[in-house]
């Protein structure tokens, strides 16, 4: 893809992070967050800190290159469960708590996934 010079905006959706050109809306890259839990309906929290991009999904954290979408590292945060996460950078910027309606939707999706898995 051609290099976009006007800047990017990052979207977290259904286990993916998508980078869009902020002026045109054209997709520049898309990265699926692969880990230990199925991601098809997982909520993704995205946070940009200086030169790196971070995403959390189903209780796991991912580091992404903001220009290319590659994954330098991934940490499953073993033993901490599938709860919602918040992220703060070294420079004090933070992604604060999610509104209760979003948290309720994520819990509903996780319960549906668990019920589906138990029925199989």
N, C-alpha and C. Protein backbone atom coordinates (compact mmCIF):
# COMPACT_ATOMS: atom_id res chain seq x y z
N UNK A 1 0.83 -1.19 0.00
CA UNK A 1 0.00 0.00 0.00
C UNK A 1 0.88 1.25 0.00
N UNK A 2 0.35 2.30 -0.58
CA UNK A 2 1.08 3.57 -0.60
C UNK A 2 1.17 4.15 0.81
N UNK A 3 2.24 4.81 1.10
CA UNK A 3 2.44 5.44 2.40
C UNK A 3 1.53 6.66 2.51
N UNK A 4 0.77 6.74 3.57
CA UNK A 4 -0.15 7.85 3.81
C UNK A 4 0.57 8.88 4.67
N UNK A 5 0.56 10.14 4.25
CA UNK A 5 1.32 11.16 4.97
C UNK A 5 0.46 11.99 5.93
N UNK A 6 -0.85 11.87 5.85
CA UNK A 6 -1.71 12.75 6.65
C UNK A 6 -1.98 12.22 8.06
N UNK A 7 -1.48 11.06 8.43
CA UNK A 7 -1.70 10.52 9.77
C UNK A 7 -2.73 9.42 9.79
N UNK A 8 -2.71 8.68 10.87
CA UNK A 8 -3.60 7.53 11.00
C UNK A 8 -4.48 7.65 12.22
N UNK A 9 -5.61 6.97 12.15
CA UNK A 9 -6.48 6.79 13.29
C UNK A 9 -6.64 5.28 13.45
N UNK A 10 -6.66 4.80 14.70
CA UNK A 10 -6.67 3.37 14.98
C UNK A 10 -8.02 2.96 15.55
N UNK A 11 -8.57 1.87 15.02
CA UNK A 11 -9.87 1.36 15.41
C UNK A 11 -9.69 -0.04 15.96
N UNK A 12 -10.29 -0.33 17.10
CA UNK A 12 -10.30 -1.69 17.63
C UNK A 12 -11.69 -2.26 17.47
N UNK A 13 -11.81 -3.42 16.79
CA UNK A 13 -13.12 -4.02 16.56
C UNK A 13 -12.99 -5.53 16.34
N UNK A 14 -13.83 -6.28 17.03
CA UNK A 14 -13.95 -7.73 16.86
C UNK A 14 -12.60 -8.44 16.75
N UNK A 15 -11.71 -8.19 17.70
CA UNK A 15 -10.44 -8.88 17.72
C UNK A 15 -9.43 -8.40 16.69
N UNK A 16 -9.65 -7.23 16.11
CA UNK A 16 -8.74 -6.66 15.12
C UNK A 16 -8.40 -5.22 15.47
N UNK A 17 -7.25 -4.76 14.99
CA UNK A 17 -6.91 -3.35 15.02
C UNK A 17 -6.78 -2.93 13.56
N UNK A 18 -7.43 -1.83 13.22
CA UNK A 18 -7.44 -1.32 11.85
C UNK A 18 -6.90 0.10 11.86
N UNK A 19 -5.98 0.40 10.96
CA UNK A 19 -5.45 1.76 10.81
C UNK A 19 -6.08 2.38 9.58
N UNK A 20 -6.67 3.56 9.76
CA UNK A 20 -7.29 4.30 8.67
C UNK A 20 -6.57 5.62 8.47
N UNK A 21 -6.50 6.07 7.23
CA UNK A 21 -6.01 7.41 6.97
C UNK A 21 -7.02 8.37 7.58
N UNK A 22 -6.56 9.26 8.43
CA UNK A 22 -7.49 10.13 9.18
C UNK A 22 -8.22 11.14 8.31
N UNK A 23 -7.72 11.45 7.14
CA UNK A 23 -8.39 12.42 6.26
C UNK A 23 -9.32 11.77 5.24
N UNK A 24 -8.99 10.54 4.80
CA UNK A 24 -9.77 9.91 3.73
C UNK A 24 -10.59 8.72 4.20
N UNK A 25 -10.21 8.11 5.34
CA UNK A 25 -10.89 6.91 5.82
C UNK A 25 -10.43 5.64 5.13
N UNK A 26 -9.43 5.74 4.27
CA UNK A 26 -8.93 4.56 3.56
C UNK A 26 -8.15 3.69 4.53
N UNK A 27 -8.42 2.38 4.47
CA UNK A 27 -7.71 1.43 5.33
C UNK A 27 -6.25 1.30 4.88
N UNK A 28 -5.34 1.46 5.82
CA UNK A 28 -3.90 1.36 5.55
C UNK A 28 -3.39 -0.03 5.92
N UNK A 29 -3.82 -0.55 7.06
CA UNK A 29 -3.50 -1.92 7.45
C UNK A 29 -4.54 -2.44 8.43
N UNK A 30 -4.54 -3.78 8.56
CA UNK A 30 -5.44 -4.47 9.50
C UNK A 30 -4.67 -5.63 10.10
N UNK A 31 -4.74 -5.75 11.44
CA UNK A 31 -4.05 -6.84 12.13
C UNK A 31 -5.02 -7.56 13.04
N UNK A 32 -5.13 -8.87 12.86
CA UNK A 32 -5.92 -9.71 13.76
C UNK A 32 -5.10 -10.02 14.99
N UNK A 33 -5.72 -9.93 16.16
CA UNK A 33 -5.03 -10.20 17.42
C UNK A 33 -5.20 -11.68 17.74
N UNK A 34 -4.17 -12.44 17.54
CA UNK A 34 -4.22 -13.89 17.74
C UNK A 34 -3.70 -14.21 19.13
N UNK A 35 -4.43 -15.03 19.84
CA UNK A 35 -4.01 -15.42 21.19
C UNK A 35 -4.72 -16.68 21.60
N UNK A 36 -4.88 -16.86 22.88
CA UNK A 36 -5.43 -18.10 23.40
C UNK A 36 -6.95 -18.16 23.37
N UNK A 37 -7.63 -17.06 23.12
CA UNK A 37 -9.10 -17.03 23.14
C UNK A 37 -9.62 -16.61 21.78
N UNK A 38 -10.71 -17.22 21.34
CA UNK A 38 -11.33 -16.83 20.07
C UNK A 38 -11.66 -15.36 20.08
N UNK A 39 -11.41 -14.65 18.98
CA UNK A 39 -11.51 -13.20 18.94
C UNK A 39 -12.69 -12.65 18.13
N UNK A 40 -13.52 -13.48 17.55
CA UNK A 40 -14.49 -12.99 16.58
C UNK A 40 -15.41 -11.90 17.12
N UNK A 41 -15.71 -11.90 18.40
CA UNK A 41 -16.60 -10.86 18.94
C UNK A 41 -15.96 -10.11 20.09
N UNK A 42 -14.65 -10.16 20.21
CA UNK A 42 -13.97 -9.55 21.35
C UNK A 42 -13.81 -8.05 21.20
N UNK A 43 -14.07 -7.34 22.30
CA UNK A 43 -13.86 -5.90 22.36
C UNK A 43 -12.37 -5.61 22.39
N UNK A 44 -11.92 -4.61 21.65
CA UNK A 44 -10.51 -4.25 21.58
C UNK A 44 -10.34 -2.81 22.06
N UNK A 45 -9.47 -2.64 23.05
CA UNK A 45 -9.10 -1.31 23.53
C UNK A 45 -7.76 -0.96 22.89
N UNK A 46 -7.65 0.24 22.29
CA UNK A 46 -6.43 0.65 21.58
C UNK A 46 -5.87 1.90 22.23
N UNK A 47 -4.54 1.94 22.37
CA UNK A 47 -3.87 3.07 23.02
C UNK A 47 -2.55 3.36 22.31
N UNK A 48 -2.32 4.60 21.92
CA UNK A 48 -1.07 5.02 21.29
C UNK A 48 -0.21 5.73 22.32
N UNK A 49 1.05 5.29 22.48
CA UNK A 49 1.98 5.89 23.42
C UNK A 49 3.30 6.14 22.70
N UNK A 50 3.61 7.39 22.42
CA UNK A 50 4.84 7.78 21.73
C UNK A 50 4.99 7.01 20.42
N UNK A 51 5.97 6.10 20.34
CA UNK A 51 6.26 5.43 19.08
C UNK A 51 5.62 4.05 18.94
N UNK A 52 4.80 3.62 19.90
CA UNK A 52 4.18 2.30 19.83
C UNK A 52 2.67 2.39 20.00
N UNK A 53 2.00 1.34 19.54
CA UNK A 53 0.56 1.21 19.66
C UNK A 53 0.29 -0.03 20.49
N UNK A 54 -0.63 0.06 21.43
CA UNK A 54 -0.97 -1.08 22.27
C UNK A 54 -2.45 -1.39 22.11
N UNK A 55 -2.77 -2.68 22.15
CA UNK A 55 -4.16 -3.11 22.09
C UNK A 55 -4.36 -4.17 23.15
N UNK A 56 -5.53 -4.15 23.77
CA UNK A 56 -5.90 -5.20 24.70
C UNK A 56 -7.17 -5.85 24.21
N UNK A 57 -7.25 -7.17 24.42
CA UNK A 57 -8.40 -7.92 23.92
C UNK A 57 -8.50 -9.20 24.75
N UNK A 58 -9.65 -9.48 25.30
CA UNK A 58 -9.89 -10.70 26.07
C UNK A 58 -8.82 -10.95 27.13
N UNK A 59 -8.42 -9.89 27.83
CA UNK A 59 -7.46 -10.03 28.92
C UNK A 59 -6.02 -10.21 28.49
N UNK A 60 -5.70 -9.94 27.23
CA UNK A 60 -4.33 -10.05 26.73
C UNK A 60 -3.89 -8.70 26.17
N UNK A 61 -2.57 -8.46 26.14
CA UNK A 61 -2.06 -7.20 25.63
C UNK A 61 -1.13 -7.46 24.45
N UNK A 62 -1.21 -6.58 23.46
CA UNK A 62 -0.44 -6.68 22.22
C UNK A 62 0.28 -5.36 21.98
N UNK A 63 1.50 -5.44 21.49
CA UNK A 63 2.25 -4.27 21.05
C UNK A 63 2.26 -4.30 19.52
N UNK A 64 1.89 -3.18 18.89
CA UNK A 64 1.87 -3.10 17.43
C UNK A 64 2.74 -1.95 16.94
N UNK A 65 3.33 -2.14 15.78
CA UNK A 65 4.01 -1.04 15.10
C UNK A 65 2.91 -0.18 14.49
N UNK A 66 2.80 1.10 14.85
CA UNK A 66 1.70 1.93 14.37
C UNK A 66 1.73 2.22 12.87
N UNK A 67 2.87 2.08 12.22
CA UNK A 67 2.95 2.35 10.79
C UNK A 67 2.63 1.12 9.95
N UNK A 68 3.02 -0.07 10.43
CA UNK A 68 2.90 -1.29 9.64
C UNK A 68 1.86 -2.27 10.15
N UNK A 69 1.52 -2.18 11.45
CA UNK A 69 0.57 -3.13 12.03
C UNK A 69 1.20 -4.45 12.44
N UNK A 70 2.52 -4.56 12.40
CA UNK A 70 3.18 -5.79 12.82
C UNK A 70 3.16 -5.89 14.34
N UNK A 71 3.33 -7.11 14.84
CA UNK A 71 3.25 -7.38 16.27
C UNK A 71 4.62 -7.73 16.83
N UNK A 72 5.36 -6.75 17.41
CA UNK A 72 6.65 -7.06 18.01
C UNK A 72 6.54 -8.01 19.21
N UNK A 73 5.45 -7.87 19.99
CA UNK A 73 5.26 -8.79 21.11
C UNK A 73 3.80 -8.87 21.53
N UNK A 74 3.51 -9.94 22.29
CA UNK A 74 2.17 -10.21 22.80
C UNK A 74 2.35 -10.84 24.18
N UNK A 75 1.53 -10.44 25.15
CA UNK A 75 1.59 -11.02 26.49
C UNK A 75 0.19 -11.48 26.86
N UNK A 76 -0.01 -12.79 27.10
CA UNK A 76 -1.36 -13.29 27.43
C UNK A 76 -1.81 -12.97 28.85
N UNK A 77 -0.94 -12.37 29.67
CA UNK A 77 -1.29 -12.01 31.05
C UNK A 77 -1.92 -13.21 31.77
N UNK A 78 -1.24 -14.33 31.70
CA UNK A 78 -1.74 -15.59 32.27
C UNK A 78 -2.16 -15.44 33.72
N UNK A 79 -3.28 -16.04 34.03
CA UNK A 79 -3.80 -16.05 35.39
C UNK A 79 -4.66 -14.86 35.76
N UNK A 80 -4.82 -13.90 34.85
CA UNK A 80 -5.60 -12.71 35.18
C UNK A 80 -7.02 -12.72 34.61
N UNK A 81 -7.38 -13.73 33.85
CA UNK A 81 -8.73 -13.85 33.33
C UNK A 81 -8.98 -13.05 32.07
N UNK A 82 -10.25 -12.95 31.72
CA UNK A 82 -10.66 -12.31 30.46
C UNK A 82 -11.26 -10.93 30.66
N UNK A 83 -11.07 -10.31 31.78
CA UNK A 83 -11.70 -9.04 32.08
C UNK A 83 -11.30 -7.90 31.17
N UNK A 84 -12.08 -6.84 31.23
CA UNK A 84 -11.75 -5.63 30.49
C UNK A 84 -10.48 -5.03 31.05
N UNK A 85 -9.75 -4.34 30.21
CA UNK A 85 -8.49 -3.76 30.64
C UNK A 85 -8.49 -2.27 30.42
N UNK A 86 -7.63 -1.59 31.16
CA UNK A 86 -7.36 -0.18 30.89
C UNK A 86 -5.85 -0.08 30.70
N UNK A 87 -5.42 0.94 29.97
CA UNK A 87 -4.01 1.08 29.62
C UNK A 87 -3.58 2.51 29.92
N UNK A 88 -2.40 2.66 30.52
CA UNK A 88 -1.83 3.98 30.76
C UNK A 88 -0.41 3.98 30.25
N UNK A 89 -0.01 5.07 29.64
CA UNK A 89 1.35 5.18 29.14
C UNK A 89 2.26 5.87 30.13
N UNK A 90 3.53 5.79 29.87
CA UNK A 90 4.53 6.40 30.72
C UNK A 90 4.35 7.91 30.83
N UNK A 91 3.77 8.51 29.80
CA UNK A 91 3.63 9.97 29.75
C UNK A 91 2.34 10.46 30.39
N UNK A 92 1.61 9.57 31.04
CA UNK A 92 0.44 9.99 31.79
C UNK A 92 -0.87 9.93 31.05
N UNK A 93 -0.87 9.75 29.73
CA UNK A 93 -2.13 9.60 29.02
C UNK A 93 -2.71 8.25 29.37
N UNK A 94 -4.01 8.17 29.40
CA UNK A 94 -4.62 6.90 29.78
C UNK A 94 -5.92 6.68 29.06
N UNK A 95 -6.26 5.43 28.91
CA UNK A 95 -7.58 5.04 28.45
C UNK A 95 -8.35 4.75 29.73
N UNK A 96 -9.36 5.55 30.00
CA UNK A 96 -10.08 5.42 31.26
C UNK A 96 -11.09 4.29 31.19
N UNK A 97 -11.78 4.09 32.27
CA UNK A 97 -12.79 3.04 32.36
C UNK A 97 -13.81 3.19 31.24
N UNK A 98 -14.27 2.06 30.75
CA UNK A 98 -15.26 2.07 29.69
C UNK A 98 -16.62 2.43 30.26
N UNK A 99 -17.44 3.10 29.47
CA UNK A 99 -18.80 3.38 29.94
C UNK A 99 -19.53 2.08 30.26
N UNK A 100 -20.44 2.13 31.21
CA UNK A 100 -21.11 0.92 31.67
C UNK A 100 -21.85 0.19 30.57
N UNK A 101 -22.38 0.87 29.59
CA UNK A 101 -23.10 0.19 28.52
C UNK A 101 -22.16 -0.68 27.67
N UNK A 102 -20.95 -0.20 27.44
CA UNK A 102 -19.97 -0.98 26.68
C UNK A 102 -19.53 -2.18 27.51
N UNK A 103 -19.27 -1.97 28.79
CA UNK A 103 -18.86 -3.06 29.67
C UNK A 103 -19.95 -4.13 29.72
N UNK A 104 -21.20 -3.72 29.79
CA UNK A 104 -22.31 -4.67 29.82
C UNK A 104 -22.37 -5.48 28.52
N UNK A 105 -22.13 -4.84 27.39
CA UNK A 105 -22.14 -5.54 26.11
C UNK A 105 -21.01 -6.55 26.02
N UNK A 106 -19.84 -6.19 26.48
CA UNK A 106 -18.71 -7.12 26.48
C UNK A 106 -19.02 -8.32 27.37
N UNK A 107 -19.59 -8.09 28.54
CA UNK A 107 -19.95 -9.19 29.42
C UNK A 107 -20.99 -10.09 28.77
N UNK A 108 -21.94 -9.49 28.06
CA UNK A 108 -22.96 -10.28 27.37
C UNK A 108 -22.32 -11.17 26.31
N UNK A 109 -21.39 -10.61 25.54
CA UNK A 109 -20.70 -11.39 24.51
C UNK A 109 -19.88 -12.51 25.12
N UNK A 110 -19.20 -12.25 26.21
CA UNK A 110 -18.40 -13.29 26.85
C UNK A 110 -19.29 -14.41 27.40
N UNK A 111 -20.44 -14.06 27.99
CA UNK A 111 -21.37 -15.05 28.50
C UNK A 111 -21.93 -15.90 27.36
N UNK A 112 -22.25 -15.26 26.23
CA UNK A 112 -22.75 -16.00 25.07
C UNK A 112 -21.69 -16.95 24.54
N UNK A 113 -20.44 -16.49 24.51
CA UNK A 113 -19.34 -17.35 24.05
C UNK A 113 -19.16 -18.54 24.98
N UNK A 114 -19.21 -18.30 26.29
CA UNK A 114 -19.05 -19.37 27.26
C UNK A 114 -20.19 -20.38 27.15
N UNK A 115 -21.42 -19.89 26.97
CA UNK A 115 -22.57 -20.78 26.83
C UNK A 115 -22.46 -21.62 25.56
N UNK A 116 -21.99 -21.00 24.48
CA UNK A 116 -21.80 -21.71 23.21
C UNK A 116 -20.75 -22.80 23.35
N UNK A 117 -19.64 -22.47 24.05
CA UNK A 117 -18.58 -23.44 24.25
C UNK A 117 -19.05 -24.61 25.13
N UNK A 118 -19.85 -24.31 26.14
CA UNK A 118 -20.36 -25.35 27.03
C UNK A 118 -21.34 -26.28 26.32
N UNK A 119 -22.09 -25.73 25.36
CA UNK A 119 -23.07 -26.52 24.62
C UNK A 119 -22.41 -27.46 23.62
N UNK A 120 -21.17 -27.16 23.22
CA UNK A 120 -20.50 -27.99 22.22
C UNK A 120 -20.03 -29.29 22.76
